[in-house]
Protein backbone atom coordinates (compact mmCIF):
# COMPACT_ATOMS: atom_id res chain seq x y z
CA MET A 1 0.00 0.00 0.00
CA ALA A 2 1.37 3.39 -1.00
CA VAL A 3 1.80 5.89 1.80
CA SER A 4 0.54 9.38 0.96
CA ILE A 5 0.08 12.69 2.69
CA ASP A 6 -3.34 14.13 3.48
CA PRO A 7 -3.68 17.39 1.50
CA SER A 8 -5.65 18.96 4.32
CA THR A 9 -2.71 18.58 6.73
CA ALA A 10 0.15 18.95 4.25
CA ASP A 11 1.49 22.25 5.62
CA SER A 12 1.34 21.16 9.26
CA ASP A 13 2.92 17.80 8.37
CA ARG A 14 5.84 19.53 6.68
CA ALA A 15 6.27 21.70 9.75
CA LEU A 16 6.29 18.62 12.01
CA VAL A 17 9.04 17.07 9.89
CA ARG A 18 11.07 20.27 9.57
CA ASP A 19 11.08 20.87 13.33
CA PHE A 20 11.39 17.28 14.54
CA SER A 21 14.12 16.53 17.06
CA LEU A 22 14.13 14.12 19.98
CA GLN A 23 15.90 16.84 21.95
CA ALA A 24 13.04 19.32 21.55
CA LEU A 25 9.72 17.49 21.59
CA PRO A 26 6.53 19.52 22.14
CA ASP A 27 4.39 18.39 25.05
CA ALA A 28 1.58 17.29 22.72
CA PHE A 29 3.91 14.67 21.25
CA TYR A 30 3.78 12.61 24.45
CA ASP A 31 0.00 12.39 24.27
CA ASP A 32 -0.10 11.42 20.60
CA PRO A 33 3.15 10.93 18.66
CA TYR A 34 1.49 9.20 15.71
CA PRO A 35 0.71 12.23 13.51
CA THR A 36 4.39 13.15 13.75
CA TYR A 37 5.44 9.60 12.96
CA ARG A 38 3.15 9.47 9.93
CA ALA A 39 4.44 12.79 8.58
CA LEU A 40 8.03 11.56 8.91
CA GLN A 41 7.14 8.22 7.32
CA VAL A 42 5.67 9.92 4.27
CA LEU A 43 7.91 12.96 3.85
CA ASP A 44 11.27 12.00 5.36
CA PRO A 45 11.51 8.34 6.42
CA VAL A 46 15.28 8.59 6.94
CA HIS A 47 15.22 11.87 8.83
CA ARG A 48 18.41 13.61 9.86
CA MET A 49 18.01 15.34 13.21
CA PRO A 50 19.90 18.48 14.26
CA ASP A 51 22.53 16.44 16.13
CA GLY A 52 23.38 14.55 12.91
CA SER A 53 21.77 11.26 13.93
CA LEU A 54 19.08 9.58 11.84
CA PHE A 55 15.47 8.76 12.74
CA LEU A 56 13.88 5.87 10.81
CA THR A 57 10.15 5.18 10.68
CA ARG A 58 9.44 2.52 8.02
CA HIS A 59 8.78 -1.11 9.00
CA GLY A 60 10.92 -2.51 6.18
CA ASP A 61 13.94 -0.37 7.07
CA LEU A 62 13.75 -1.34 10.75
CA GLU A 63 13.38 -5.02 9.97
CA ALA A 64 16.40 -4.95 7.66
CA ILE A 65 18.55 -3.23 10.29
CA TYR A 66 17.50 -5.59 13.07
CA LYS A 67 18.59 -8.56 10.99
CA ASP A 68 21.95 -7.13 9.92
CA THR A 69 24.27 -7.20 12.93
CA ALA A 70 27.35 -6.94 10.72
CA ARG A 71 26.50 -3.44 9.50
CA PHE A 72 24.45 -2.16 12.45
CA SER A 73 25.78 -2.42 15.98
CA SER A 74 23.95 -2.45 19.32
CA ASP A 75 27.07 -1.42 21.24
CA LYS A 76 26.35 1.94 22.88
CA LYS A 77 29.75 2.93 24.28
CA VAL A 78 30.29 5.69 21.71
CA GLU A 79 26.76 7.04 22.15
CA PHE A 80 26.58 6.77 25.94
CA ALA A 81 30.05 8.10 26.80
CA PRO A 82 29.12 11.77 26.24
CA LYS A 83 25.59 11.22 27.57
CA TYR A 84 26.51 9.73 30.96
CA GLY A 85 30.27 10.16 31.23
CA ILE A 86 32.78 7.31 31.14
CA GLY A 87 33.14 5.89 34.61
CA SER A 88 29.59 6.77 35.67
CA LEU A 89 27.36 4.01 37.02
CA LEU A 90 24.77 4.59 34.29
CA PHE A 91 27.47 4.21 31.64
CA GLU A 92 28.74 0.97 33.20
CA HIS A 93 25.22 -0.43 33.52
CA HIS A 94 23.91 0.37 30.07
CA THR A 95 27.11 -0.66 28.27
CA THR A 96 27.25 -4.00 30.11
CA SER A 97 23.60 -5.06 29.86
CA LEU A 98 22.46 -7.55 27.25
CA VAL A 99 20.37 -5.24 25.11
CA PHE A 100 23.12 -2.70 24.40
CA ASN A 101 25.83 -5.11 23.33
CA ASP A 102 27.01 -7.13 20.35
CA PRO A 103 28.51 -10.59 20.43
CA PRO A 104 30.41 -11.99 22.25
CA LEU A 105 28.88 -10.44 25.42
CA HIS A 106 25.37 -10.47 23.97
CA THR A 107 25.69 -14.13 22.99
CA ARG A 108 27.14 -15.17 26.36
CA VAL A 109 24.44 -13.53 28.46
CA ARG A 110 21.51 -14.34 26.17
CA HIS A 111 22.49 -18.02 26.21
CA LEU A 112 21.92 -18.12 29.97
CA ILE A 113 18.78 -15.98 30.09
CA ALA A 114 17.06 -17.71 27.16
CA GLY A 115 17.79 -21.10 28.71
CA ALA A 116 16.02 -20.05 31.90
CA LEU A 117 13.04 -18.64 29.96
CA ASN A 118 12.34 -21.72 27.86
CA PRO A 119 8.69 -22.56 27.06
CA ARG A 120 8.45 -25.30 29.70
CA ALA A 121 9.80 -23.06 32.45
CA ILE A 122 7.38 -20.28 31.49
CA ALA A 123 4.42 -22.66 31.38
CA GLU A 124 5.27 -23.85 34.89
CA THR A 125 4.91 -20.28 36.19
CA GLU A 126 1.36 -19.84 34.83
CA PRO A 127 -0.58 -21.26 37.84
CA ARG A 128 1.35 -18.96 40.20
CA LEU A 129 0.64 -16.00 37.90
CA VAL A 130 -3.09 -16.81 37.84
CA THR A 131 -3.12 -16.88 41.64
CA LEU A 132 -1.31 -13.52 41.76
CA VAL A 133 -3.69 -11.87 39.28
CA ASP A 134 -6.79 -13.24 40.99
CA GLY A 135 -5.51 -11.93 44.33
CA LEU A 136 -5.07 -8.46 42.85
CA LEU A 137 -8.55 -8.62 41.34
CA ASP A 138 -10.00 -9.60 44.72
CA ALA A 139 -8.29 -6.64 46.37
CA MET A 140 -9.53 -4.24 43.70
CA GLU A 141 -13.11 -5.52 43.97
CA ALA A 142 -13.05 -4.79 47.69
CA ARG A 143 -12.13 -1.15 46.95
CA GLY A 144 -14.34 -0.49 43.92
CA SER A 145 -12.37 2.48 42.53
CA VAL A 146 -8.76 1.74 41.65
CA ASP A 147 -5.76 2.89 39.67
CA LEU A 148 -5.02 0.26 37.04
CA ILE A 149 -1.31 1.09 37.01
CA GLU A 150 -0.55 1.25 40.73
CA ASP A 151 -2.98 -1.44 41.83
CA PHE A 152 -2.65 -3.89 38.94
CA ALA A 153 -0.38 -3.39 35.92
CA SER A 154 2.81 -2.51 37.79
CA ALA A 155 2.30 -5.10 40.53
CA ILE A 156 2.31 -8.10 38.19
CA PRO A 157 5.74 -7.97 36.50
CA ILE A 158 7.52 -7.02 39.72
CA GLU A 159 6.20 -10.22 41.30
CA VAL A 160 6.90 -12.37 38.23
CA ILE A 161 10.49 -11.19 37.79
CA GLY A 162 11.04 -11.13 41.54
CA ASN A 163 10.00 -14.80 41.61
CA LEU A 164 12.29 -15.71 38.70
CA LEU A 165 15.29 -14.16 40.44
CA GLY A 166 14.25 -15.32 43.89
CA VAL A 167 14.01 -11.82 45.39
CA PRO A 168 12.36 -12.18 48.83
CA HIS A 169 8.88 -10.61 48.92
CA ALA A 170 9.80 -8.30 51.77
CA GLU A 171 12.65 -6.84 49.69
CA ARG A 172 10.75 -6.00 46.48
CA GLY A 173 9.52 -2.56 47.55
CA PRO A 174 12.30 -0.46 45.95
CA LEU A 175 12.43 -2.38 42.64
CA ARG A 176 9.85 -0.31 40.72
CA GLY A 177 11.39 3.02 41.77
CA TRP A 178 14.89 1.86 40.81
CA SER A 179 13.61 0.60 37.46
CA LEU A 180 11.79 3.83 36.59
CA ALA A 181 14.83 5.94 37.52
CA ILE A 182 17.30 3.88 35.48
CA LEU A 183 15.06 3.58 32.43
CA GLY A 184 14.10 7.25 32.69
CA ALA A 185 17.76 8.09 32.11
CA LEU A 186 17.50 6.43 28.68
CA GLU A 187 15.23 9.23 27.42
CA PRO A 188 16.74 11.16 24.50
CA LYS A 189 16.88 14.39 26.52
CA LEU A 190 18.57 13.89 29.88
CA SER A 191 18.28 16.49 32.63
CA PRO A 192 20.80 16.65 35.51
CA GLU A 193 18.02 15.69 37.94
CA VAL A 194 17.03 12.60 35.96
CA GLN A 195 20.68 11.60 35.57
CA GLU A 196 21.30 11.97 39.30
CA ARG A 197 18.25 9.82 40.11
CA GLY A 198 19.46 7.19 37.68
CA GLU A 199 22.97 7.15 39.17
CA ARG A 200 21.58 6.79 42.68
CA ALA A 201 19.24 4.00 41.60
CA VAL A 202 22.06 1.99 40.00
CA ALA A 203 24.20 2.42 43.13
CA GLU A 204 21.40 1.28 45.45
CA PHE A 205 20.45 -1.59 43.14
CA LEU A 206 24.06 -2.81 43.01
CA ASP A 207 24.39 -2.67 46.79
CA TYR A 208 21.26 -4.76 47.15
CA LEU A 209 22.24 -7.28 44.46
CA ARG A 210 25.69 -7.84 45.95
CA ARG A 211 24.01 -9.05 49.12
CA LEU A 212 21.44 -11.12 47.22
CA VAL A 213 24.10 -12.77 45.04
CA ALA A 214 26.30 -13.53 48.04
CA ASP A 215 23.36 -15.19 49.75
CA ARG A 216 22.52 -17.22 46.62
CA ARG A 217 26.12 -18.36 46.23
CA ALA A 218 25.96 -19.65 49.79
CA LYS A 219 22.49 -21.21 49.31
CA PRO A 220 21.92 -21.99 45.60
CA GLY A 221 18.40 -22.50 44.34
CA ASP A 222 17.13 -24.84 41.64
CA ALA A 223 18.79 -23.64 38.41
CA GLU A 224 15.82 -24.95 36.41
CA HIS A 225 13.55 -22.35 38.02
CA ASP A 226 15.83 -19.80 39.71
CA VAL A 227 17.30 -17.50 37.07
CA LEU A 228 19.80 -15.94 39.48
CA THR A 229 21.23 -19.35 40.42
CA ARG A 230 21.44 -20.16 36.72
CA LEU A 231 23.30 -16.91 35.98
CA ILE A 232 25.73 -17.52 38.85
CA ALA A 233 26.46 -21.17 38.12
CA GLY A 234 25.71 -21.60 34.44
CA GLU A 235 28.23 -21.70 31.64
CA THR A 236 27.98 -19.07 28.95
CA ALA A 237 27.93 -19.86 25.24
CA ASP A 238 31.75 -19.73 25.10
CA GLY A 239 32.17 -22.07 28.05
CA GLY A 240 33.03 -19.39 30.59
CA LYS A 241 31.07 -17.72 33.36
CA LEU A 242 29.81 -14.19 33.78
CA SER A 243 32.11 -11.78 35.55
CA GLU A 244 30.76 -10.15 38.73
CA VAL A 245 30.08 -6.91 36.83
CA GLU A 246 28.29 -8.75 34.01
CA LEU A 247 26.23 -10.72 36.51
CA LEU A 248 25.12 -7.74 38.60
CA GLN A 249 24.39 -5.41 35.69
CA ASN A 250 22.39 -8.03 33.82
CA CYS A 251 20.33 -8.79 36.92
CA ILE A 252 19.40 -5.11 36.88
CA PHE A 253 18.63 -5.39 33.17
CA ILE A 254 16.36 -8.42 33.67
CA LEU A 255 14.39 -6.71 36.42
CA ASN A 256 14.08 -3.46 34.47
CA ALA A 257 13.30 -4.95 31.06
CA GLY A 258 10.76 -7.37 32.47
CA HIS A 259 9.05 -4.71 34.54
CA GLU A 260 8.45 -1.49 32.64
CA THR A 261 7.48 -2.86 29.22
CA THR A 262 5.04 -5.40 30.68
CA THR A 263 3.48 -2.77 32.94
CA ASN A 264 2.94 -0.69 29.81
CA LEU A 265 1.52 -3.63 27.85
CA ILE A 266 -1.13 -4.30 30.51
CA GLY A 267 -1.94 -0.64 31.13
CA ASN A 268 -2.01 0.29 27.44
CA GLY A 269 -4.14 -2.74 26.58
CA LEU A 270 -6.81 -1.99 29.17
CA GLU A 271 -6.87 1.71 28.23
CA LEU A 272 -7.32 0.75 24.57
CA LEU A 273 -10.35 -1.34 25.48
CA LEU A 274 -11.83 1.73 27.18
CA ARG A 275 -11.02 3.86 24.13
CA PHE A 276 -12.46 1.32 21.66
CA PRO A 277 -15.65 -0.05 23.28
CA ASP A 278 -16.52 -2.10 20.18
CA GLN A 279 -13.27 -4.03 20.56
CA LYS A 280 -13.88 -4.39 24.29
CA GLN A 281 -17.27 -5.95 23.61
CA ARG A 282 -15.75 -8.17 20.96
CA LEU A 283 -13.26 -9.53 23.48
CA ILE A 284 -16.00 -10.05 26.05
CA ASP A 285 -18.05 -11.99 23.48
CA GLU A 286 -15.04 -13.94 22.15
CA PRO A 287 -12.52 -14.39 24.99
CA THR A 288 -10.43 -16.72 22.82
CA LEU A 289 -9.32 -13.60 20.92
CA ILE A 290 -7.09 -12.64 23.85
CA ARG A 291 -3.93 -13.94 22.14
CA THR A 292 -4.38 -11.88 18.98
CA ALA A 293 -5.60 -8.97 21.12
CA ILE A 294 -2.27 -8.93 23.00
CA GLU A 295 -0.39 -8.77 19.70
CA GLU A 296 -2.60 -5.90 18.55
CA PHE A 297 -2.09 -3.98 21.79
CA LEU A 298 1.67 -4.41 21.32
CA ARG A 299 1.43 -3.11 17.76
CA PHE A 300 -0.99 -0.26 18.31
CA GLU A 301 0.67 1.19 21.43
CA SER A 302 4.15 -0.31 21.54
CA SER A 303 5.49 -0.35 25.09
CA ASN A 304 8.97 0.44 23.80
CA GLN A 305 8.75 3.08 21.07
CA LEU A 306 12.42 3.61 20.22
CA GLY A 307 15.51 1.52 19.58
CA ASN A 308 19.03 2.49 18.58
CA ARG A 309 21.86 1.24 16.40
CA GLY A 310 25.29 2.48 15.41
CA VAL A 311 26.63 2.07 11.88
CA ALA A 312 29.56 -0.36 12.05
CA VAL A 313 30.82 0.04 8.46
CA ASP A 314 30.24 2.54 5.67
CA THR A 315 26.91 1.52 4.17
CA GLU A 316 23.51 2.85 3.12
CA ILE A 317 19.85 2.45 3.94
CA ALA A 318 17.09 3.23 1.44
CA GLY A 319 19.76 4.60 -0.89
CA ILE A 320 21.05 7.12 1.67
CA PRO A 321 24.78 6.84 2.51
CA LEU A 322 25.57 6.11 6.16
CA PRO A 323 29.21 6.63 7.18
CA LYS A 324 30.68 4.37 9.84
CA GLY A 325 29.92 5.79 13.29
CA SER A 326 26.52 7.24 12.34
CA LEU A 327 23.87 6.92 15.05
CA ILE A 328 20.37 5.69 14.20
CA THR A 329 17.11 5.79 16.16
CA LEU A 330 14.67 3.08 15.12
CA CYS A 331 11.08 4.23 15.67
CA ILE A 332 9.21 1.07 16.58
CA GLY A 333 6.02 3.01 17.27
CA ALA A 334 6.00 4.38 13.73
CA ALA A 335 6.96 1.08 12.07
CA ASN A 336 4.06 -0.64 13.82
CA ARG A 337 1.67 1.86 12.21
CA ASP A 338 3.22 1.65 8.73
CA PRO A 339 0.47 1.38 6.05
CA ALA A 340 2.94 -0.43 3.82
CA GLN A 341 2.89 -3.30 6.32
CA PHE A 342 -0.49 -3.07 8.08
CA LYS A 343 -3.96 -2.57 6.60
CA SER A 344 -5.78 0.32 8.31
CA PRO A 345 -2.91 0.74 10.80
CA ASP A 346 -4.66 3.39 12.90
CA GLU A 347 -7.61 1.08 13.58
CA LEU A 348 -7.52 -1.30 16.55
CA ASP A 349 -8.43 -4.82 15.41
CA ILE A 350 -8.04 -7.41 18.16
CA ALA A 351 -8.36 -10.24 15.61
CA ARG A 352 -5.69 -8.83 13.27
CA ALA A 353 -3.73 -11.59 11.55
CA PRO A 354 -1.08 -11.73 10.40
CA ASN A 355 0.46 -9.15 12.71
CA ARG A 356 4.20 -8.84 12.08
CA HIS A 357 4.78 -6.05 14.57
CA LEU A 358 8.23 -5.13 15.87
CA ALA A 359 7.32 -4.51 19.51
CA PHE A 360 9.81 -7.21 20.54
CA ALA A 361 12.37 -6.13 17.90
CA SER A 362 13.61 -8.82 15.50
CA GLY A 363 16.70 -10.78 14.57
CA ALA A 364 19.46 -11.58 17.06
CA HIS A 365 18.16 -9.01 19.54
CA VAL A 366 14.55 -10.18 19.60
CA CYS A 367 13.35 -9.90 23.20
CA ALA A 368 14.42 -12.96 25.21
CA GLY A 369 11.39 -12.59 27.47
CA LEU A 370 8.73 -12.13 24.79
CA ASN A 371 6.82 -15.31 25.67
CA LEU A 372 6.82 -14.40 29.35
CA ALA A 373 5.50 -10.91 28.56
CA ARG A 374 2.80 -12.36 26.30
CA MET A 375 1.69 -14.74 29.03
CA GLU A 376 1.56 -11.94 31.62
CA GLY A 377 -0.50 -9.78 29.27
CA ARG A 378 -2.83 -12.64 28.35
CA ILE A 379 -3.51 -13.70 31.94
CA ALA A 380 -3.76 -10.17 33.35
CA ILE A 381 -6.01 -8.62 30.70
CA GLY A 382 -8.02 -11.77 30.01
CA ARG A 383 -8.90 -12.41 33.63
CA PHE A 384 -9.54 -8.71 34.31
CA ILE A 385 -12.07 -8.48 31.46
CA ALA A 386 -13.77 -11.72 32.48
CA ARG A 387 -14.14 -10.43 36.05
CA PHE A 388 -14.94 -6.77 35.39
CA PRO A 389 -16.47 -6.45 31.89
CA ASN A 390 -18.20 -3.16 32.80
CA PHE A 391 -15.14 -1.26 34.02
CA LYS A 392 -15.16 2.46 33.18
CA SER A 393 -12.81 5.41 33.30
CA ALA A 394 -12.97 7.42 36.53
CA GLY A 395 -10.83 10.37 35.50
CA ASN A 396 -8.18 11.48 33.07
CA PRO A 397 -5.48 8.90 32.39
CA GLN A 398 -2.01 10.30 33.09
CA ARG A 399 0.55 9.51 30.41
CA ALA A 400 4.21 9.30 31.29
CA ARG A 401 5.99 12.18 29.55
CA ARG A 402 8.51 9.92 27.86
CA ALA A 403 9.42 9.29 24.25
CA ARG A 404 11.11 5.88 24.57
CA PHE A 405 8.69 4.01 26.82
CA ARG A 406 4.98 4.59 26.18
CA GLY A 407 2.62 4.01 29.06
CA PHE A 408 0.65 5.57 31.88
CA THR A 409 1.56 6.71 35.35
CA ALA A 410 -2.09 6.67 36.45
CA LEU A 411 -5.23 5.10 34.99
CA PRO A 412 -8.16 5.61 37.39
CA ILE A 413 -11.24 3.41 36.86
CA THR A 414 -14.37 2.13 38.49
CA LEU A 415 -15.05 -1.57 38.17
CA GLY A 416 -18.71 -1.22 37.27
């Protein structure tokens, strides 16, 4: 399908493209970035921003880059050195974690994590997840009016990931705050206050994990179910073991990656059902659509909107030369609304199939926890709708003012 510009918005679309920079986003962008994405997709799909980096919005371009690790690198040392400062805790964390590395570190760590998140291991966690979700639903029913983020969406992944790593229940309180502070420092525009919060969160997280790891070394768990024991004891793909720095920083990564994006998936999905009552009723009438509904929620409001790559060798994309060292932002949110890939991309269709969205990336860096996230979304949203089909908004949803991670900070409802 050809992508074209609407004549009635042509002038405003050109202005959006001309002025677009991740360093100077208008406040309205955080509420609805999709008109900007569409204008870029049509008028300037390989957009050069004022800092010289490139912003890509087409599904085909993103998919090609994800699958080409020889030309496009995930290593962020060059990009993050000026952003955080070499020697800072944020620099050490983000340049050691799985997602921001190329082989061999990426291969070594992923080998261990993927082994612990195999389909059998995930299936074994489902009964415990159902019990958790039902307990949260019971507590919400007793109150009547609730915040879907605080009381439901954010509580689920913290418990799931906490269980996988064997974090004692009494010690899980700080995890969400640490996660939000560290991931907040990944935003394109970084204020001194946000950076300081991120640094403090990494320091506190590391202090806690050193104690947790020491305890687990002394009293190992079952490596088939305890991811931390597996990371401590398991051999990496090259036959070695993780260093202490690699171990600690990737524990932070697992907790953060498994928390924020899944919170957003659950919150975004339930808000979309409020926004599109016909699709809500469709899911109520046909609960077996929950699996395709989760994929559509991931496409329509991608939890993670932006990815990044560095150009490893002189190359080109879409006929545009890219010198080695160029920095690229991959706009997942735009690619998942690309009319060249999706019919009626701005319509929510919970039965959409096929649905080749890029919410979990693609290629070597496809999300290692994608099946766990899908299960959490399926159980959480499916059981919520079955229990409270008449839930309604009880106030204005509060969107997080972030470009990279799209979700809500508050979503007040009544259960009906």
